[in-house]
Amino acid sequence: MPEAVRGGCRIYYELAGEASAPPLVLVRGLGRSSRYWGPVLPELRGFRLLLVDNRGVGRSDATRPPYSTRQLADDVAAVMDAAGIARAHVFGMSLGGMIAQQLALAYPERVDRLVLGCTTPGGPRSHRPGAWTRVGQLRAALSPGDRVARILPRLVSAASLRARPEIEALWRELARTEPVAVTGFVGQLAAAGGHDVFHRLGDIRCRTLVITGDDDDVIPHANSRLLVDHLPEAVLEILVGAKHDFTTDRPVDAGRVITAFLHAPTVAGR
């Protein structure tokens, strides 16, 4: 089983795709292992993919909380070392996008282009969902019973769930085979809640794609506009009608936009 070990914590990872293709690190969000990337992976087949199970979920260890996004970024850097990847494009979603911001700040020489999906810089200027939405998300995630039925409609549009019943089947299988430890979920939740790099965004010099859905009520898409307004080299893409988990909701559109951005030639002088 491929893994990196940092501070006694085992971090699981997988490599997929041609070894000669440009490397792309994929970092998922709160309570989600790398297996949740499934729907979008065929759309990213032109890359050498490095998929990470963040500390606390999937096949990685769930150490004692709290965690921080910088700590989780250090974990990703350790995984890159273990996989023999010195520099790569990085795509992080939600909490994974916060981790990706920290990776670009702490290890700028290791990040080529950056993709920040449905995420936020944190801090007092960020846009938070309403109180009832936050309470509903926590109850859906932590209450006993059918968590998939409560969480899935918040993250994926009704149209996609009707058209592709395999989404629900996959999530139910993952809930059965990869139950999230309370310690891991609480640790990751603390990392997301404590994330704040707003005043450091100007230090992220790599070319960045900020992408989100306009029907995201988990991390409002106004945060994506905030990121673009304060990142030196950023462009914004909004997927109309997509909810928070847009790589599951709209994998073809997401893959097309991300691939085009990562393959676009560098503009002279940048």
Protein backbone atom coordinates (compact mmCIF):
# COMPACT_ATOMS: atom_id res chain seq x y z
CA MET A 1 0.00 0.00 0.00
CA PRO A 2 1.69 3.28 -1.06
CA GLU A 3 1.95 5.70 1.83
CA ALA A 4 4.00 8.55 3.19
CA VAL A 5 4.76 8.75 6.90
CA ARG A 6 5.02 12.13 8.62
CA GLY A 7 5.26 12.49 12.37
CA GLY A 8 4.09 8.92 12.81
CA CYS A 9 0.95 9.48 10.68
CA ARG A 10 0.53 7.31 7.60
CA ILE A 11 -0.87 9.16 4.59
CA TYR A 12 -2.22 6.95 1.81
CA TYR A 13 -1.87 7.89 -1.84
CA GLU A 14 -2.30 6.45 -5.33
CA LEU A 15 -0.71 7.19 -8.68
CA ALA A 16 -2.68 6.85 -11.91
CA GLY A 17 -2.06 7.68 -15.56
CA GLU A 18 1.00 7.68 -17.79
CA ALA A 19 4.27 8.28 -15.96
CA SER A 20 5.37 10.70 -18.71
CA ALA A 21 2.23 12.90 -18.42
CA PRO A 22 2.25 16.21 -16.50
CA PRO A 23 1.72 15.48 -12.78
CA LEU A 24 -1.46 16.70 -11.11
CA VAL A 25 -2.05 16.38 -7.36
CA LEU A 26 -5.71 15.96 -6.32
CA VAL A 27 -6.74 16.96 -2.78
CA ARG A 28 -10.30 16.32 -1.64
CA GLY A 29 -12.46 18.06 0.96
CA LEU A 30 -13.97 17.54 4.40
CA GLY A 31 -14.60 13.88 5.20
CA ARG A 32 -13.93 12.77 1.63
CA SER A 33 -11.28 10.26 0.57
CA SER A 34 -9.61 10.20 -2.83
CA ARG A 35 -12.18 7.65 -4.04
CA TYR A 36 -14.74 10.45 -4.29
CA TRP A 37 -12.80 11.80 -7.30
CA GLY A 38 -14.14 8.87 -9.31
CA PRO A 39 -16.59 10.62 -11.68
CA VAL A 40 -14.06 13.22 -12.91
CA LEU A 41 -11.01 10.97 -13.29
CA PRO A 42 -11.77 9.95 -16.91
CA GLU A 43 -11.84 13.66 -17.80
CA LEU A 44 -8.32 14.13 -16.37
CA ARG A 45 -6.73 11.17 -18.13
CA GLY A 46 -4.12 13.39 -19.79
CA PHE A 47 -2.28 13.80 -16.48
CA ARG A 48 -0.19 11.72 -14.12
CA LEU A 49 -2.57 11.83 -11.15
CA LEU A 50 -1.45 11.77 -7.52
CA LEU A 51 -4.53 11.15 -5.35
CA VAL A 52 -4.20 11.79 -1.62
CA ASP A 53 -6.29 10.58 1.30
CA ASN A 54 -5.99 13.48 3.73
CA ARG A 55 -5.14 12.77 7.35
CA GLY A 56 -8.31 11.59 9.07
CA VAL A 57 -10.14 9.93 6.16
CA GLY A 58 -9.99 6.95 3.82
CA ARG A 59 -6.93 4.77 4.20
CA SER A 60 -4.87 7.40 6.03
CA ASP A 61 -4.50 7.52 9.81
CA ALA A 62 -6.93 9.57 11.90
CA THR A 63 -4.66 11.22 14.45
CA ARG A 64 -5.92 13.18 17.44
CA PRO A 65 -7.59 16.52 16.52
CA PRO A 66 -7.40 19.38 15.90
CA TYR A 67 -5.67 19.63 12.52
CA SER A 68 -4.66 22.74 10.58
CA THR A 69 -4.63 23.37 6.85
CA ARG A 70 -0.86 24.00 7.05
CA GLN A 71 -0.40 20.61 8.72
CA LEU A 72 -2.45 18.94 5.99
CA ALA A 73 -0.42 20.80 3.32
CA ASP A 74 2.77 19.46 4.90
CA ASP A 75 1.23 15.98 4.60
CA VAL A 76 0.68 16.55 0.86
CA ALA A 77 4.28 17.68 0.43
CA ALA A 78 5.42 14.48 2.17
CA VAL A 79 3.26 12.45 -0.23
CA MET A 80 4.85 14.23 -3.20
CA ASP A 81 8.27 13.30 -1.78
CA ALA A 82 7.25 9.66 -1.35
CA ALA A 83 5.87 9.55 -4.91
CA GLY A 84 9.02 11.14 -6.35
CA ILE A 85 7.23 14.23 -7.64
CA ALA A 86 9.22 17.43 -7.18
CA ARG A 87 6.76 19.83 -8.84
CA ALA A 88 3.17 19.44 -10.04
CA HIS A 89 -0.09 21.12 -10.83
CA VAL A 90 -2.35 21.03 -7.76
CA PHE A 91 -6.16 20.83 -7.67
CA GLY A 92 -7.88 21.13 -4.30
CA MET A 93 -11.64 21.16 -3.63
CA SER A 94 -13.36 22.72 -0.60
CA LEU A 95 -11.10 21.91 2.39
CA GLY A 96 -8.70 20.56 -0.25
CA GLY A 97 -8.63 24.02 -1.81
CA MET A 98 -7.63 25.51 1.52
CA ILE A 99 -4.87 22.91 1.80
CA ALA A 100 -3.76 23.76 -1.75
CA GLN A 101 -3.49 27.45 -0.83
CA GLN A 102 -1.23 26.56 2.10
CA LEU A 103 0.85 24.27 -0.14
CA ALA A 104 1.38 27.08 -2.66
CA LEU A 105 2.40 29.46 0.15
CA ALA A 106 4.73 27.08 1.99
CA TYR A 107 6.20 25.29 -1.04
CA PRO A 108 5.95 27.68 -4.02
CA GLU A 109 8.72 25.85 -5.87
CA ARG A 110 6.62 22.67 -5.87
CA VAL A 111 3.39 24.08 -7.33
CA ASP A 112 3.20 24.72 -11.08
CA ARG A 113 -0.41 25.78 -11.72
CA LEU A 114 -3.11 25.86 -9.07
CA VAL A 115 -6.80 24.97 -9.29
CA LEU A 116 -8.97 26.06 -6.36
CA GLY A 117 -12.43 24.50 -6.39
CA CYS A 118 -15.44 25.65 -4.31
CA THR A 119 -13.21 27.01 -1.56
CA THR A 120 -12.39 30.10 0.49
CA PRO A 121 -9.39 32.03 1.81
CA GLY A 122 -11.03 32.05 5.24
CA GLY A 123 -10.86 34.92 7.70
CA PRO A 124 -13.40 37.58 8.64
CA ARG A 125 -13.81 38.83 5.06
CA SER A 126 -14.90 35.45 3.73
CA HIS A 127 -18.54 34.71 2.97
CA ARG A 128 -20.07 32.10 5.23
CA PRO A 129 -23.33 30.19 4.74
CA GLY A 130 -26.25 31.14 6.92
CA ALA A 131 -26.45 29.77 10.45
CA TRP A 132 -29.25 27.33 9.58
CA THR A 133 -27.25 25.98 6.66
CA ARG A 134 -24.20 25.39 8.90
CA VAL A 135 -26.27 23.65 11.56
CA GLY A 136 -27.95 21.51 8.91
CA GLN A 137 -24.60 20.45 7.45
CA LEU A 138 -23.25 19.40 10.84
CA ARG A 139 -26.41 17.47 11.73
CA ALA A 140 -26.39 15.75 8.33
CA ALA A 141 -22.76 14.72 8.75
CA LEU A 142 -22.74 13.67 12.41
CA SER A 143 -26.24 12.42 13.22
CA PRO A 144 -26.88 8.67 13.11
CA GLY A 145 -29.01 7.14 10.40
CA ASP A 146 -28.95 7.57 6.66
CA ARG A 147 -26.24 10.22 6.30
CA VAL A 148 -25.91 9.74 2.54
CA ALA A 149 -29.59 10.61 2.00
CA ARG A 150 -29.15 13.80 4.04
CA ILE A 151 -25.81 14.95 2.62
CA LEU A 152 -26.01 14.03 -1.06
CA PRO A 153 -28.76 16.52 -2.10
CA ARG A 154 -26.77 19.35 -0.50
CA LEU A 155 -23.70 18.55 -2.58
CA VAL A 156 -25.02 17.30 -5.95
CA SER A 157 -27.90 18.72 -7.99
CA ALA A 158 -31.23 16.91 -8.20
CA ALA A 159 -30.89 16.74 -11.99
CA SER A 160 -27.58 14.86 -11.77
CA LEU A 161 -28.91 12.48 -9.13
CA ARG A 162 -31.91 11.64 -11.33
CA ALA A 163 -29.83 11.16 -14.46
CA ARG A 164 -26.97 9.24 -12.82
CA PRO A 165 -28.16 6.93 -10.01
CA GLU A 166 -24.65 5.47 -9.88
CA ILE A 167 -23.59 8.53 -7.86
CA GLU A 168 -25.75 7.52 -4.90
CA ALA A 169 -24.66 3.89 -5.29
CA LEU A 170 -20.98 4.91 -5.11
CA TRP A 171 -21.49 7.13 -2.07
CA ARG A 172 -23.38 4.41 -0.23
CA GLU A 173 -20.62 1.94 -0.98
CA LEU A 174 -17.97 4.36 0.28
CA ALA A 175 -19.99 5.10 3.42
CA ARG A 176 -20.07 1.35 4.08
CA THR A 177 -16.42 0.56 3.28
CA GLU A 178 -14.77 3.81 4.40
CA PRO A 179 -16.65 5.11 7.47
CA VAL A 180 -15.14 8.41 8.62
CA ALA A 181 -13.78 8.32 12.16
CA VAL A 182 -15.17 11.03 14.42
CA THR A 183 -11.59 12.03 15.34
CA GLY A 184 -10.74 12.52 11.67
CA PHE A 185 -13.90 14.48 10.89
CA VAL A 186 -13.51 16.76 13.91
CA GLY A 187 -9.83 17.29 13.09
CA GLN A 188 -10.59 18.27 9.52
CA LEU A 189 -13.49 20.46 10.61
CA ALA A 190 -11.13 22.33 12.93
CA ALA A 191 -8.68 22.80 10.05
CA ALA A 192 -11.38 24.31 7.84
CA GLY A 193 -12.70 26.53 10.64
CA GLY A 194 -9.26 27.88 11.47
CA HIS A 195 -8.15 28.51 7.89
CA ASP A 196 -7.24 32.14 7.15
CA VAL A 197 -4.76 33.13 4.45
CA PHE A 198 -6.66 36.14 3.14
CA HIS A 199 -3.86 38.62 3.83
CA ARG A 200 -1.31 36.29 2.21
CA LEU A 201 -3.10 35.69 -1.09
CA GLY A 202 -0.82 38.18 -2.84
CA ASP A 203 2.10 35.84 -2.12
CA ILE A 204 0.62 33.06 -4.28
CA ARG A 205 2.33 33.86 -7.57
CA CYS A 206 1.43 30.78 -9.64
CA ARG A 207 -1.26 30.90 -12.31
CA THR A 208 -4.54 29.93 -10.68
CA LEU A 209 -7.95 28.76 -11.86
CA VAL A 210 -10.75 29.38 -9.37
CA ILE A 211 -13.77 27.24 -10.21
CA THR A 212 -17.11 26.74 -8.47
CA GLY A 213 -20.80 26.14 -8.96
CA ASP A 214 -23.28 29.00 -8.62
CA ASP A 215 -25.69 26.82 -6.59
CA ASP A 216 -23.18 26.07 -3.83
CA ASP A 217 -24.74 26.66 -0.40
CA VAL A 218 -21.85 25.02 1.48
CA ILE A 219 -19.10 27.49 0.53
CA PRO A 220 -20.89 30.38 -1.23
CA HIS A 221 -19.45 31.18 -4.66
CA ALA A 222 -18.83 34.77 -3.52
CA ASN A 223 -15.68 33.32 -1.91
CA SER A 224 -14.40 32.38 -5.35
CA ARG A 225 -14.79 35.98 -6.50
CA LEU A 226 -12.95 37.08 -3.36
CA LEU A 227 -10.06 34.77 -4.23
CA VAL A 228 -9.85 36.02 -7.81
CA ASP A 229 -9.92 39.64 -6.69
CA HIS A 230 -6.86 39.13 -4.46
CA LEU A 231 -4.76 36.50 -6.25
CA PRO A 232 -2.21 38.05 -8.65
CA GLU A 233 -2.62 35.47 -11.46
CA ALA A 234 -6.18 34.12 -11.22
CA VAL A 235 -9.12 33.48 -13.54
CA LEU A 236 -12.66 32.54 -12.51
CA GLU A 237 -14.97 29.88 -13.93
CA ILE A 238 -18.51 29.46 -12.58
CA LEU A 239 -20.48 26.35 -13.53
CA VAL A 240 -24.11 27.44 -13.79
CA GLY A 241 -26.47 25.15 -11.88
CA ALA A 242 -23.72 23.13 -10.20
CA LYS A 243 -23.73 22.53 -6.47
CA HIS A 244 -20.77 22.20 -4.10
CA ASP A 245 -19.35 18.90 -5.32
CA PHE A 246 -19.10 20.06 -8.91
CA THR A 247 -16.68 17.32 -10.04
CA THR A 248 -19.41 14.80 -9.22
CA ASP A 249 -22.25 17.04 -10.38
CA ARG A 250 -20.67 18.16 -13.67
CA PRO A 251 -17.55 16.01 -14.28
CA VAL A 252 -17.35 16.57 -18.05
CA ASP A 253 -17.63 20.36 -17.80
CA ALA A 254 -15.24 20.50 -14.85
CA GLY A 255 -12.69 18.28 -16.57
CA ARG A 256 -12.87 20.31 -19.78
CA VAL A 257 -12.28 23.63 -18.01
CA ILE A 258 -9.49 22.32 -15.80
CA THR A 259 -7.69 20.52 -18.62
CA ALA A 260 -7.84 23.59 -20.86
CA PHE A 261 -6.41 25.77 -18.10
CA LEU A 262 -3.57 23.40 -17.24
CA HIS A 263 -2.60 22.86 -20.90
CA ALA A 264 -2.85 26.53 -21.90
CA PRO A 265 0.49 27.98 -23.07
CA THR A 266 2.28 30.35 -20.75
CA VAL A 267 1.88 33.98 -21.76
CA ALA A 268 5.22 35.64 -22.62
CA GLY A 269 6.61 37.63 -19.72
CA ARG A 270 4.84 35.59 -17.00
